[in-house]
């Protein structure tokens, strides 16, 4: 039997986080949502989730969190999941170790599940 994959999501919009949390749990993932970017880097280091979904447009955005992790994310995959379409931020995210960069508006919950399954395969 396969091990349940843990996903940590940084999202401050409760409606969005609820939709994705329910969908990902339905697909068999263990989900935790954090709405405060200040807490995410520590949670990644201590809990070592399999995947982190980071929003860029939040009190401490995904780029800053990647900087704080600076080579300490271990096996955790990091997927930027935001509506910030700045190409410079996308490039910086990859330079800092992001494993993917998705624009929320382009992804339904089912499409996100497919991306996550491929990334964690």
PDB file of N, CA and C in Angstrom:
ATOM      1  N   UNK A   1       0.841  -1.184   0.000  1.00  0.00           N
ATOM      2  CA  UNK A   1       0.000   0.000   0.000  1.00  0.00           C
ATOM      3  C   UNK A   1       0.890   1.252   0.000  1.00  0.00           C
ATOM      4  N   UNK A   2       0.546   2.202  -0.843  1.00  0.00           N
ATOM      5  CA  UNK A   2       1.359   3.416  -0.989  1.00  0.00           C
ATOM      6  C   UNK A   2       1.204   4.322   0.231  1.00  0.00           C
ATOM      7  N   UNK A   3       2.297   4.997   0.544  1.00  0.00           N
ATOM      8  CA  UNK A   3       2.304   5.939   1.665  1.00  0.00           C
ATOM      9  C   UNK A   3       1.524   7.191   1.270  1.00  0.00           C
ATOM     10  N   UNK A   4       0.735   7.729   2.203  1.00  0.00           N
ATOM     11  CA  UNK A   4      -0.018   8.952   1.951  1.00  0.00           C
ATOM     12  C   UNK A   4       0.960  10.121   1.840  1.00  0.00           C
ATOM     13  N   UNK A   5       0.858  10.854   0.758  1.00  0.00           N
ATOM     14  CA  UNK A   5       1.728  12.009   0.534  1.00  0.00           C
ATOM     15  C   UNK A   5       1.162  13.232   1.256  1.00  0.00           C
ATOM     16  N   UNK A   6       2.051  13.961   1.934  1.00  0.00           N
ATOM     17  CA  UNK A   6       1.655  15.152   2.679  1.00  0.00           C
ATOM     18  C   UNK A   6       1.895  16.400   1.837  1.00  0.00           C
ATOM     19  N   UNK A   7       0.873  17.259   1.812  1.00  0.00           N
ATOM     20  CA  UNK A   7       0.965  18.526   1.083  1.00  0.00           C
ATOM     21  C   UNK A   7       0.681  19.662   2.053  1.00  0.00           C
ATOM     22  N   UNK A   8       1.534  20.668   2.002  1.00  0.00           N
ATOM     23  CA  UNK A   8       1.366  21.892   2.783  1.00  0.00           C
ATOM     24  C   UNK A   8       1.072  23.011   1.794  1.00  0.00           C
ATOM     25  N   UNK A   9      -0.028  23.724   2.018  1.00  0.00           N
ATOM     26  CA  UNK A   9      -0.434  24.788   1.103  1.00  0.00           C
ATOM     27  C   UNK A   9      -0.410  26.131   1.825  1.00  0.00           C
ATOM     28  N   UNK A  10       0.278  27.104   1.245  1.00  0.00           N
ATOM     29  CA  UNK A  10       0.267  28.474   1.736  1.00  0.00           C
ATOM     30  C   UNK A  10      -0.770  29.236   0.926  1.00  0.00           C
ATOM     31  N   UNK A  11      -1.865  29.582   1.566  1.00  0.00           N
ATOM     32  CA  UNK A  11      -2.965  30.263   0.875  1.00  0.00           C
ATOM     33  C   UNK A  11      -3.751  31.074   1.892  1.00  0.00           C
ATOM     34  N   UNK A  12      -3.940  32.367   1.610  1.00  0.00           N
ATOM     35  CA  UNK A  12      -4.681  33.210   2.550  1.00  0.00           C
ATOM     36  C   UNK A  12      -6.140  33.406   2.167  1.00  0.00           C
ATOM     37  N   UNK A  13      -6.566  32.916   1.025  1.00  0.00           N
ATOM     38  CA  UNK A  13      -7.966  32.991   0.616  1.00  0.00           C
ATOM     39  C   UNK A  13      -8.644  31.693   1.057  1.00  0.00           C
ATOM     40  N   UNK A  14      -9.501  31.804   2.069  1.00  0.00           N
ATOM     41  CA  UNK A  14     -10.120  30.625   2.669  1.00  0.00           C
ATOM     42  C   UNK A  14     -10.966  29.832   1.669  1.00  0.00           C
ATOM     43  N   UNK A  15     -11.666  30.517   0.778  1.00  0.00           N
ATOM     44  CA  UNK A  15     -12.489  29.817  -0.200  1.00  0.00           C
ATOM     45  C   UNK A  15     -11.616  28.974  -1.141  1.00  0.00           C
ATOM     46  N   UNK A  16     -10.533  29.551  -1.625  1.00  0.00           N
ATOM     47  CA  UNK A  16      -9.631  28.834  -2.525  1.00  0.00           C
ATOM     48  C   UNK A  16      -8.985  27.662  -1.799  1.00  0.00           C
ATOM     49  N   UNK A  17      -8.480  27.906  -0.598  1.00  0.00           N
ATOM     50  CA  UNK A  17      -7.813  26.825   0.132  1.00  0.00           C
ATOM     51  C   UNK A  17      -8.783  25.691   0.433  1.00  0.00           C
ATOM     52  N   UNK A  18     -10.022  26.009   0.753  1.00  0.00           N
ATOM     53  CA  UNK A  18     -11.014  24.973   1.050  1.00  0.00           C
ATOM     54  C   UNK A  18     -11.298  24.104  -0.172  1.00  0.00           C
ATOM     55  N   UNK A  19     -11.435  24.728  -1.332  1.00  0.00           N
ATOM     56  CA  UNK A  19     -11.698  23.980  -2.568  1.00  0.00           C
ATOM     57  C   UNK A  19     -10.562  23.007  -2.855  1.00  0.00           C
ATOM     58  N   UNK A  20      -9.337  23.507  -2.820  1.00  0.00           N
ATOM     59  CA  UNK A  20      -8.187  22.654  -3.131  1.00  0.00           C
ATOM     60  C   UNK A  20      -7.924  21.624  -2.038  1.00  0.00           C
ATOM     61  N   UNK A  21      -8.131  21.992  -0.795  1.00  0.00           N
ATOM     62  CA  UNK A  21      -7.929  21.045   0.309  1.00  0.00           C
ATOM     63  C   UNK A  21      -8.889  19.865   0.160  1.00  0.00           C
ATOM     64  N   UNK A  22     -10.166  20.156  -0.077  1.00  0.00           N
ATOM     65  CA  UNK A  22     -11.149  19.069  -0.227  1.00  0.00           C
ATOM     66  C   UNK A  22     -10.829  18.185  -1.423  1.00  0.00           C
ATOM     67  N   UNK A  23     -10.449  18.790  -2.536  1.00  0.00           N
ATOM     68  CA  UNK A  23     -10.149  18.008  -3.737  1.00  0.00           C
ATOM     69  C   UNK A  23      -8.919  17.120  -3.518  1.00  0.00           C
ATOM     70  N   UNK A  24      -7.869  17.684  -2.957  1.00  0.00           N
ATOM     71  CA  UNK A  24      -6.645  16.915  -2.758  1.00  0.00           C
ATOM     72  C   UNK A  24      -6.824  15.817  -1.709  1.00  0.00           C
ATOM     73  N   UNK A  25      -7.601  16.084  -0.666  1.00  0.00           N
ATOM     74  CA  UNK A  25      -7.897  15.034   0.311  1.00  0.00           C
ATOM     75  C   UNK A  25      -8.723  13.919  -0.321  1.00  0.00           C
ATOM     76  N   UNK A  26      -9.659  14.300  -1.162  1.00  0.00           N
ATOM     77  CA  UNK A  26     -10.479  13.298  -1.872  1.00  0.00           C
ATOM     78  C   UNK A  26      -9.593  12.400  -2.743  1.00  0.00           C
ATOM     79  N   UNK A  27      -8.493  12.955  -3.255  1.00  0.00           N
ATOM     80  CA  UNK A  27      -7.565  12.194  -4.096  1.00  0.00           C
ATOM     81  C   UNK A  27      -6.546  11.405  -3.273  1.00  0.00           C
ATOM     82  N   UNK A  28      -6.666  11.475  -1.934  1.00  0.00           N
ATOM     83  CA  UNK A  28      -5.828  10.656  -1.077  1.00  0.00           C
ATOM     84  C   UNK A  28      -4.610  11.331  -0.472  1.00  0.00           C
ATOM     85  N   UNK A  29      -4.499  12.641  -0.626  1.00  0.00           N
ATOM     86  CA  UNK A  29      -3.379  13.374  -0.045  1.00  0.00           C
ATOM     87  C   UNK A  29      -3.735  13.851   1.362  1.00  0.00           C
ATOM     88  N   UNK A  30      -2.753  13.919   2.233  1.00  0.00           N
ATOM     89  CA  UNK A  30      -2.932  14.539   3.546  1.00  0.00           C
ATOM     90  C   UNK A  30      -2.620  16.019   3.368  1.00  0.00           C
ATOM     91  N   UNK A  31      -3.576  16.869   3.681  1.00  0.00           N
ATOM     92  CA  UNK A  31      -3.446  18.301   3.406  1.00  0.00           C
ATOM     93  C   UNK A  31      -3.402  19.132   4.673  1.00  0.00           C
ATOM     94  N   UNK A  32      -2.550  20.153   4.648  1.00  0.00           N
ATOM     95  CA  UNK A  32      -2.555  21.169   5.692  1.00  0.00           C
ATOM     96  C   UNK A  32      -2.465  22.516   4.999  1.00  0.00           C
ATOM     97  N   UNK A  33      -3.302  23.444   5.417  1.00  0.00           N
ATOM     98  CA  UNK A  33      -3.291  24.787   4.845  1.00  0.00           C
ATOM     99  C   UNK A  33      -2.809  25.767   5.909  1.00  0.00           C
ATOM    100  N   UNK A  34      -1.886  26.624   5.512  1.00  0.00           N
ATOM    101  CA  UNK A  34      -1.373  27.688   6.384  1.00  0.00           C
ATOM    102  C   UNK A  34      -1.646  28.999   5.666  1.00  0.00           C
ATOM    103  N   UNK A  35      -2.186  29.967   6.409  1.00  0.00           N
ATOM    104  CA  UNK A  35      -2.513  31.251   5.779  1.00  0.00           C
ATOM    105  C   UNK A  35      -1.486  32.334   6.095  1.00  0.00           C
ATOM    106  N   UNK A  36      -0.498  32.001   6.904  1.00  0.00           N
ATOM    107  CA  UNK A  36       0.518  32.974   7.307  1.00  0.00           C
ATOM    108  C   UNK A  36       1.889  32.506   6.829  1.00  0.00           C
ATOM    109  N   UNK A  37       2.463  33.247   5.896  1.00  0.00           N
ATOM    110  CA  UNK A  37       3.749  32.881   5.336  1.00  0.00           C
ATOM    111  C   UNK A  37       4.870  32.815   6.356  1.00  0.00           C
ATOM    112  N   UNK A  38       4.728  33.527   7.474  1.00  0.00           N
ATOM    113  CA  UNK A  38       5.765  33.514   8.520  1.00  0.00           C
ATOM    114  C   UNK A  38       5.983  32.108   9.070  1.00  0.00           C
ATOM    115  N   UNK A  39       4.949  31.273   9.050  1.00  0.00           N
ATOM    116  CA  UNK A  39       5.019  29.954   9.671  1.00  0.00           C
ATOM    117  C   UNK A  39       5.460  28.841   8.718  1.00  0.00           C
ATOM    118  N   UNK A  40       5.415  29.109   7.430  1.00  0.00           N
ATOM    119  CA  UNK A  40       5.614  28.040   6.450  1.00  0.00           C
ATOM    120  C   UNK A  40       7.035  27.479   6.409  1.00  0.00           C
ATOM    121  N   UNK A  41       8.045  28.320   6.385  1.00  0.00           N
ATOM    122  CA  UNK A  41       9.421  27.824   6.275  1.00  0.00           C
ATOM    123  C   UNK A  41       9.754  26.879   7.426  1.00  0.00           C
ATOM    124  N   UNK A  42       9.338  27.247   8.643  1.00  0.00           N
ATOM    125  CA  UNK A  42       9.597  26.372   9.790  1.00  0.00           C
ATOM    126  C   UNK A  42       8.840  25.054   9.663  1.00  0.00           C
ATOM    127  N   UNK A  43       7.598  25.115   9.213  1.00  0.00           N
ATOM    128  CA  UNK A  43       6.800  23.891   9.047  1.00  0.00           C
ATOM    129  C   UNK A  43       7.432  22.966   8.008  1.00  0.00           C
ATOM    130  N   UNK A  44       7.971  23.552   6.952  1.00  0.00           N
ATOM    131  CA  UNK A  44       8.620  22.735   5.918  1.00  0.00           C
ATOM    132  C   UNK A  44       9.817  22.011   6.523  1.00  0.00           C
ATOM    133  N   UNK A  45      10.609  22.743   7.297  1.00  0.00           N
ATOM    134  CA  UNK A  45      11.810  22.152   7.900  1.00  0.00           C
ATOM    135  C   UNK A  45      11.466  21.078   8.925  1.00  0.00           C
ATOM    136  N   UNK A  46      10.444  21.313   9.742  1.00  0.00           N
ATOM    137  CA  UNK A  46      10.138  20.359  10.809  1.00  0.00           C
ATOM    138  C   UNK A  46       9.260  19.203  10.344  1.00  0.00           C
ATOM    139  N   UNK A  47       8.293  19.471   9.482  1.00  0.00           N
ATOM    140  CA  UNK A  47       7.338  18.434   9.078  1.00  0.00           C
ATOM    141  C   UNK A  47       7.746  17.713   7.796  1.00  0.00           C
ATOM    142  N   UNK A  48       8.604  18.321   7.009  1.00  0.00           N
ATOM    143  CA  UNK A  48       9.070  17.752   5.744  1.00  0.00           C
ATOM    144  C   UNK A  48       7.947  17.146   4.903  1.00  0.00           C
ATOM    145  N   UNK A  49       6.999  17.989   4.483  1.00  0.00           N
ATOM    146  CA  UNK A  49       5.934  17.480   3.613  1.00  0.00           C
ATOM    147  C   UNK A  49       6.519  17.038   2.272  1.00  0.00           C
ATOM    148  N   UNK A  50       5.772  16.243   1.547  1.00  0.00           N
ATOM    149  CA  UNK A  50       6.227  15.794   0.232  1.00  0.00           C
ATOM    150  C   UNK A  50       6.169  16.929  -0.785  1.00  0.00           C
ATOM    151  N   UNK A  51       5.199  17.835  -0.602  1.00  0.00           N
ATOM    152  CA  UNK A  51       4.995  18.939  -1.548  1.00  0.00           C
ATOM    153  C   UNK A  51       4.495  20.162  -0.803  1.00  0.00           C
ATOM    154  N   UNK A  52       4.970  21.312  -1.246  1.00  0.00           N
ATOM    155  CA  UNK A  52       4.478  22.589  -0.726  1.00  0.00           C
ATOM    156  C   UNK A  52       3.948  23.393  -1.892  1.00  0.00           C
ATOM    157  N   UNK A  53       2.721  23.904  -1.741  1.00  0.00           N
ATOM    158  CA  UNK A  53       2.126  24.816  -2.717  1.00  0.00           C
ATOM    159  C   UNK A  53       2.255  26.220  -2.145  1.00  0.00           C
ATOM    160  N   UNK A  54       3.006  27.079  -2.818  1.00  0.00           N
ATOM    161  CA  UNK A  54       3.269  28.424  -2.307  1.00  0.00           C
ATOM    162  C   UNK A  54       2.620  29.493  -3.164  1.00  0.00           C
ATOM    163  N   UNK A  55       1.897  30.376  -2.510  1.00  0.00           N
ATOM    164  CA  UNK A  55       1.363  31.563  -3.164  1.00  0.00           C
ATOM    165  C   UNK A  55       2.433  32.645  -3.111  1.00  0.00           C
ATOM    166  N   UNK A  56       2.483  33.494  -4.111  1.00  0.00           N
ATOM    167  CA  UNK A  56       3.441  34.599  -4.112  1.00  0.00           C
ATOM    168  C   UNK A  56       2.853  35.855  -3.483  1.00  0.00           C
ATOM    169  N   UNK A  57       1.549  36.011  -3.586  1.00  0.00           N
ATOM    170  CA  UNK A  57       0.910  37.253  -3.147  1.00  0.00           C
ATOM    171  C   UNK A  57       0.282  37.058  -1.771  1.00  0.00           C
ATOM    172  N   UNK A  58       1.128  37.060  -0.764  1.00  0.00           N
ATOM    173  CA  UNK A  58       0.708  36.837   0.620  1.00  0.00           C
ATOM    174  C   UNK A  58       1.716  37.556   1.509  1.00  0.00           C
ATOM    175  N   UNK A  59       1.457  37.663   2.804  1.00  0.00           N
ATOM    176  CA  UNK A  59       2.309  38.489   3.674  1.00  0.00           C
ATOM    177  C   UNK A  59       3.795  38.156   3.537  1.00  0.00           C
ATOM    178  N   UNK A  60       4.146  36.894   3.543  1.00  0.00           N
ATOM    179  CA  UNK A  60       5.508  36.468   3.218  1.00  0.00           C
ATOM    180  C   UNK A  60       5.328  35.533   2.039  1.00  0.00           C
ATOM    181  N   UNK A  61       5.643  35.990   0.855  1.00  0.00           N
ATOM    182  CA  UNK A  61       5.360  35.238  -0.356  1.00  0.00           C
ATOM    183  C   UNK A  61       6.312  34.095  -0.618  1.00  0.00           C
ATOM    184  N   UNK A  62       5.982  33.339  -1.645  1.00  0.00           N
ATOM    185  CA  UNK A  62       6.740  32.158  -2.005  1.00  0.00           C
ATOM    186  C   UNK A  62       8.216  32.414  -2.270  1.00  0.00           C
ATOM    187  N   UNK A  63       8.547  33.531  -2.887  1.00  0.00           N
ATOM    188  CA  UNK A  63       9.962  33.831  -3.179  1.00  0.00           C
ATOM    189  C   UNK A  63      10.746  33.976  -1.873  1.00  0.00           C
ATOM    190  N   UNK A  64      10.201  34.726  -0.922  1.00  0.00           N
ATOM    191  CA  UNK A  64      10.876  34.918   0.358  1.00  0.00           C
ATOM    192  C   UNK A  64      11.012  33.588   1.104  1.00  0.00           C
ATOM    193  N   UNK A  65      10.002  32.751   1.026  1.00  0.00           N
ATOM    194  CA  UNK A  65      10.064  31.442   1.695  1.00  0.00           C
ATOM    195  C   UNK A  65      11.155  30.582   1.064  1.00  0.00           C
ATOM    196  N   UNK A  66      11.260  30.601  -0.258  1.00  0.00           N
ATOM    197  CA  UNK A  66      12.337  29.855  -0.924  1.00  0.00           C
ATOM    198  C   UNK A  66      13.706  30.360  -0.473  1.00  0.00           C
ATOM    199  N   UNK A  67      13.834  31.667  -0.308  1.00  0.00           N
ATOM    200  CA  UNK A  67      15.100  32.237   0.161  1.00  0.00           C
ATOM    201  C   UNK A  67      15.410  31.738   1.574  1.00  0.00           C
ATOM    202  N   UNK A  68      14.396  31.689   2.426  1.00  0.00           N
ATOM    203  CA  UNK A  68      14.592  31.240   3.812  1.00  0.00           C
ATOM    204  C   UNK A  68      14.967  29.761   3.875  1.00  0.00           C
ATOM    205  N   UNK A  69      14.474  28.990   2.923  1.00  0.00           N
ATOM    206  CA  UNK A  69      14.781  27.560   2.921  1.00  0.00           C
ATOM    207  C   UNK A  69      16.201  27.290   2.440  1.00  0.00           C
ATOM    208  N   UNK A  70      16.695  28.108   1.534  1.00  0.00           N
ATOM    209  CA  UNK A  70      18.065  28.056   1.015  1.00  0.00           C
ATOM    210  C   UNK A  70      18.753  26.704   1.169  1.00  0.00           C
ATOM    211  N   UNK A  71      18.314  25.756   0.373  1.00  0.00           N
ATOM    212  CA  UNK A  71      18.948  24.446   0.359  1.00  0.00           C
ATOM    213  C   UNK A  71      18.550  23.529   1.504  1.00  0.00           C
ATOM    214  N   UNK A  72      17.552  23.916   2.290  1.00  0.00           N
ATOM    215  CA  UNK A  72      17.142  23.114   3.441  1.00  0.00           C
ATOM    216  C   UNK A  72      15.795  22.431   3.245  1.00  0.00           C
ATOM    217  N   UNK A  73      15.293  22.394   2.021  1.00  0.00           N
ATOM    218  CA  UNK A  73      13.978  21.799   1.813  1.00  0.00           C
ATOM    219  C   UNK A  73      14.035  20.276   1.689  1.00  0.00           C
ATOM    220  N   UNK A  74      15.223  19.729   1.635  1.00  0.00           N
ATOM    221  CA  UNK A  74      15.363  18.276   1.567  1.00  0.00           C
ATOM    222  C   UNK A  74      14.663  17.700   0.341  1.00  0.00           C
ATOM    223  N   UNK A  75      13.889  16.652   0.552  1.00  0.00           N
ATOM    224  CA  UNK A  75      13.187  15.997  -0.555  1.00  0.00           C
ATOM    225  C   UNK A  75      11.855  16.665  -0.887  1.00  0.00           C
ATOM    226  N   UNK A  76      11.495  17.679  -0.137  1.00  0.00           N
ATOM    227  CA  UNK A  76      10.227  18.365  -0.352  1.00  0.00           C
ATOM    228  C   UNK A  76      10.223  19.066  -1.707  1.00  0.00           C
ATOM    229  N   UNK A  77       9.196  18.797  -2.493  1.00  0.00           N
ATOM    230  CA  UNK A  77       9.000  19.494  -3.765  1.00  0.00           C
ATOM    231  C   UNK A  77       8.264  20.796  -3.476  1.00  0.00           C
ATOM    232  N   UNK A  78       8.607  21.847  -4.198  1.00  0.00           N
ATOM    233  CA  UNK A  78       7.956  23.143  -4.018  1.00  0.00           C
ATOM    234  C   UNK A  78       7.358  23.581  -5.352  1.00  0.00           C
ATOM    235  N   UNK A  79       6.060  23.845  -5.308  1.00  0.00           N
ATOM    236  CA  UNK A  79       5.324  24.268  -6.487  1.00  0.00           C
ATOM    237  C   UNK A  79       4.735  25.644  -6.197  1.00  0.00           C
ATOM    238  N   UNK A  80       5.153  26.643  -6.971  1.00  0.00           N
ATOM    239  CA  UNK A  80       4.552  27.969  -6.843  1.00  0.00           C
ATOM    240  C   UNK A  80       3.177  27.882  -7.487  1.00  0.00           C
ATOM    241  N   UNK A  81       2.158  28.294  -6.736  1.00  0.00           N
ATOM    242  CA  UNK A  81       0.776  28.249  -7.212  1.00  0.00           C
ATOM    243  C   UNK A  81       0.159  29.597  -6.889  1.00  0.00           C
ATOM    244  N   UNK A  82       0.181  30.499  -7.871  1.00  0.00           N
ATOM    245  CA  UNK A  82      -0.158  31.892  -7.636  1.00  0.00           C
ATOM    246  C   UNK A  82      -0.771  32.511  -8.886  1.00  0.00           C
ATOM    247  N   UNK A  83      -1.374  33.666  -8.719  1.00  0.00           N
ATOM    248  CA  UNK A  83      -1.857  34.417  -9.877  1.00  0.00           C
ATOM    249  C   UNK A  83      -0.890  35.534 -10.262  1.00  0.00           C
ATOM    250  N   UNK A  84       0.258  35.583  -9.630  1.00  0.00           N
ATOM    251  CA  UNK A  84       1.296  36.552  -9.975  1.00  0.00           C
ATOM    252  C   UNK A  84       2.035  36.024 -11.208  1.00  0.00           C
ATOM    253  N   UNK A  85       1.881  36.703 -12.328  1.00  0.00           N
ATOM    254  CA  UNK A  85       2.437  36.227 -13.594  1.00  0.00           C
ATOM    255  C   UNK A  85       3.726  36.947 -13.987  1.00  0.00           C
ATOM    256  N   UNK A  86       4.468  37.427 -13.019  1.00  0.00           N
ATOM    257  CA  UNK A  86       5.708  38.150 -13.272  1.00  0.00           C
ATOM    258  C   UNK A  86       6.799  37.166 -13.718  1.00  0.00           C
ATOM    259  N   UNK A  87       7.276  37.266 -14.976  1.00  0.00           N
ATOM    260  CA  UNK A  87       8.306  36.340 -15.466  1.00  0.00           C
ATOM    261  C   UNK A  87       9.607  36.399 -14.662  1.00  0.00           C
ATOM    262  N   UNK A  88       9.933  37.563 -14.113  1.00  0.00           N
ATOM    263  CA  UNK A  88      11.143  37.677 -13.299  1.00  0.00           C
ATOM    264  C   UNK A  88      11.010  36.874 -12.006  1.00  0.00           C
ATOM    265  N   UNK A  89       9.816  36.913 -11.405  1.00  0.00           N
ATOM    266  CA  UNK A  89       9.583  36.125 -10.195  1.00  0.00           C
ATOM    267  C   UNK A  89       9.612  34.631 -10.514  1.00  0.00           C
ATOM    268  N   UNK A  90       9.078  34.271 -11.669  1.00  0.00           N
ATOM    269  CA  UNK A  90       9.105  32.861 -12.070  1.00  0.00           C
ATOM    270  C   UNK A  90      10.551  32.383 -12.214  1.00  0.00           C
ATOM    271  N   UNK A  91      11.362  33.163 -12.888  1.00  0.00           N
ATOM    272  CA  UNK A  91      12.766  32.811 -13.069  1.00  0.00           C
ATOM    273  C   UNK A  91      13.479  32.727 -11.719  1.00  0.00           C
ATOM    274  N   UNK A  92      13.221  33.700 -10.848  1.00  0.00           N
ATOM    275  CA  UNK A  92      13.847  33.697  -9.526  1.00  0.00           C
ATOM    276  C   UNK A  92      13.410  32.478  -8.715  1.00  0.00           C
ATOM    277  N   UNK A  93      12.137  32.116  -8.823  1.00  0.00           N
ATOM    278  CA  UNK A  93      11.632  30.948  -8.082  1.00  0.00           C
ATOM    279  C   UNK A  93      12.387  29.686  -8.494  1.00  0.00           C
ATOM    280  N   UNK A  94      12.585  29.503  -9.784  1.00  0.00           N
ATOM    281  CA  UNK A  94      13.318  28.321 -10.251  1.00  0.00           C
ATOM    282  C   UNK A  94      14.778  28.370  -9.792  1.00  0.00           C
ATOM    283  N   UNK A  95      15.387  29.553  -9.824  1.00  0.00           N
ATOM    284  CA  UNK A  95      16.771  29.683  -9.360  1.00  0.00           C
ATOM    285  C   UNK A  95      16.907  29.351  -7.882  1.00  0.00           C
ATOM    286  N   UNK A  96      15.842  29.596  -7.123  1.00  0.00           N
ATOM    287  CA  UNK A  96      15.857  29.339  -5.685  1.00  0.00           C
ATOM    288  C   UNK A  96      15.406  27.922  -5.326  1.00  0.00           C
ATOM    289  N   UNK A  97      15.111  27.111  -6.337  1.00  0.00           N
ATOM    290  CA  UNK A  97      14.799  25.713  -6.062  1.00  0.00           C
ATOM    291  C   UNK A  97      13.368  25.271  -6.254  1.00  0.00           C
ATOM    292  N   UNK A  98      12.504  26.137  -6.796  1.00  0.00           N
ATOM    293  CA  UNK A  98      11.121  25.709  -7.049  1.00  0.00           C
ATOM    294  C   UNK A  98      11.122  24.594  -8.091  1.00  0.00           C
ATOM    295  N   UNK A  99      10.199  23.670  -7.941  1.00  0.00           N
ATOM    296  CA  UNK A  99      10.074  22.542  -8.865  1.00  0.00           C
ATOM    297  C   UNK A  99       9.021  22.787  -9.939  1.00  0.00           C
ATOM    298  N   UNK A 100       8.260  23.870  -9.801  1.00  0.00           N
ATOM    299  CA  UNK A 100       7.239  24.202 -10.784  1.00  0.00           C
ATOM    300  C   UNK A 100       6.641  25.556 -10.480  1.00  0.00           C
ATOM    301  N   UNK A 101       5.979  26.128 -11.486  1.00  0.00           N
ATOM    302  CA  UNK A 101       5.375  27.460 -11.345  1.00  0.00           C
ATOM    303  C   UNK A 101       4.072  27.439 -12.116  1.00  0.00           C
ATOM    304  N   UNK A 102       2.953  27.491 -11.402  1.00  0.00           N
ATOM    305  CA  UNK A 102       1.639  27.424 -12.030  1.00  0.00           C
ATOM    306  C   UNK A 102       0.829  28.674 -11.711  1.00  0.00           C
ATOM    307  N   UNK A 103       0.077  29.140 -12.701  1.00  0.00           N
ATOM    308  CA  UNK A 103      -0.829  30.267 -12.511  1.00  0.00           C
ATOM    309  C   UNK A 103      -2.192  29.691 -12.112  1.00  0.00           C
ATOM    310  N   UNK A 104      -2.681  30.075 -10.934  1.00  0.00           N
ATOM    311  CA  UNK A 104      -3.936  29.520 -10.403  1.00  0.00           C
ATOM    312  C   UNK A 104      -5.082  29.592 -11.407  1.00  0.00           C
ATOM    313  N   UNK A 105      -5.213  30.732 -12.064  1.00  0.00           N
ATOM    314  CA  UNK A 105      -6.342  30.933 -12.972  1.00  0.00           C
ATOM    315  C   UNK A 105      -6.355  29.927 -14.127  1.00  0.00           C
ATOM    316  N   UNK A 106      -5.204  29.322 -14.411  1.00  0.00           N
ATOM    317  CA  UNK A 106      -5.104  28.374 -15.529  1.00  0.00           C
ATOM    318  C   UNK A 106      -5.363  26.933 -15.108  1.00  0.00           C
ATOM    319  N   UNK A 107      -5.583  26.689 -13.808  1.00  0.00           N
ATOM    320  CA  UNK A 107      -5.676  25.312 -13.318  1.00  0.00           C
ATOM    321  C   UNK A 107      -6.947  25.059 -12.524  1.00  0.00           C
ATOM    322  N   UNK A 108      -7.701  24.060 -12.978  1.00  0.00           N
ATOM    323  CA  UNK A 108      -8.827  23.578 -12.189  1.00  0.00           C
ATOM    324  C   UNK A 108      -8.251  22.688 -11.092  1.00  0.00           C
ATOM    325  N   UNK A 109      -9.021  22.386 -10.070  1.00  0.00           N
ATOM    326  CA  UNK A 109      -8.515  21.462  -9.053  1.00  0.00           C
ATOM    327  C   UNK A 109      -8.056  20.123  -9.654  1.00  0.00           C
ATOM    328  N   UNK A 110      -8.780  19.594 -10.633  1.00  0.00           N
ATOM    329  CA  UNK A 110      -8.392  18.313 -11.236  1.00  0.00           C
ATOM    330  C   UNK A 110      -7.067  18.424 -11.999  1.00  0.00           C
ATOM    331  N   UNK A 111      -6.869  19.543 -12.709  1.00  0.00           N
ATOM    332  CA  UNK A 111      -5.596  19.732 -13.416  1.00  0.00           C
ATOM    333  C   UNK A 111      -4.438  19.840 -12.427  1.00  0.00           C
ATOM    334  N   UNK A 112      -4.677  20.501 -11.286  1.00  0.00           N
ATOM    335  CA  UNK A 112      -3.641  20.611 -10.272  1.00  0.00           C
ATOM    336  C   UNK A 112      -3.304  19.228  -9.715  1.00  0.00           C
ATOM    337  N   UNK A 113      -4.307  18.412  -9.474  1.00  0.00           N
ATOM    338  CA  UNK A 113      -4.077  17.046  -8.985  1.00  0.00           C
ATOM    339  C   UNK A 113      -3.180  16.291  -9.960  1.00  0.00           C
ATOM    340  N   UNK A 114      -3.442  16.418 -11.252  1.00  0.00           N
ATOM    341  CA  UNK A 114      -2.628  15.729 -12.265  1.00  0.00           C
ATOM    342  C   UNK A 114      -1.169  16.179 -12.214  1.00  0.00           C
ATOM    343  N   UNK A 115      -0.950  17.467 -12.081  1.00  0.00           N
ATOM    344  CA  UNK A 115       0.407  18.011 -11.997  1.00  0.00           C
ATOM    345  C   UNK A 115       1.106  17.472 -10.744  1.00  0.00           C
ATOM    346  N   UNK A 116       0.400  17.495  -9.631  1.00  0.00           N
ATOM    347  CA  UNK A 116       0.971  17.021  -8.363  1.00  0.00           C
ATOM    348  C   UNK A 116       1.318  15.535  -8.447  1.00  0.00           C
ATOM    349  N   UNK A 117       0.420  14.744  -9.017  1.00  0.00           N
ATOM    350  CA  UNK A 117       0.688  13.311  -9.148  1.00  0.00           C
ATOM    351  C   UNK A 117       1.931  13.058  -9.987  1.00  0.00           C
ATOM    352  N   UNK A 118       2.098  13.812 -11.068  1.00  0.00           N
ATOM    353  CA  UNK A 118       3.305  13.656 -11.905  1.00  0.00           C
ATOM    354  C   UNK A 118       4.547  14.101 -11.146  1.00  0.00           C
ATOM    355  N   UNK A 119       4.458  15.196 -10.421  1.00  0.00           N
ATOM    356  CA  UNK A 119       5.616  15.721  -9.696  1.00  0.00           C
ATOM    357  C   UNK A 119       6.064  14.777  -8.584  1.00  0.00           C
ATOM    358  N   UNK A 120       5.119  14.099  -7.955  1.00  0.00           N
ATOM    359  CA  UNK A 120       5.439  13.216  -6.845  1.00  0.00           C
ATOM    360  C   UNK A 120       5.669  11.763  -7.255  1.00  0.00           C
ATOM    361  N   UNK A 121       5.498  11.479  -8.548  1.00  0.00           N
ATOM    362  CA  UNK A 121       5.656  10.094  -9.022  1.00  0.00           C
ATOM    363  C   UNK A 121       7.097   9.623  -8.920  1.00  0.00           C
TER     364      UNK A 121
END
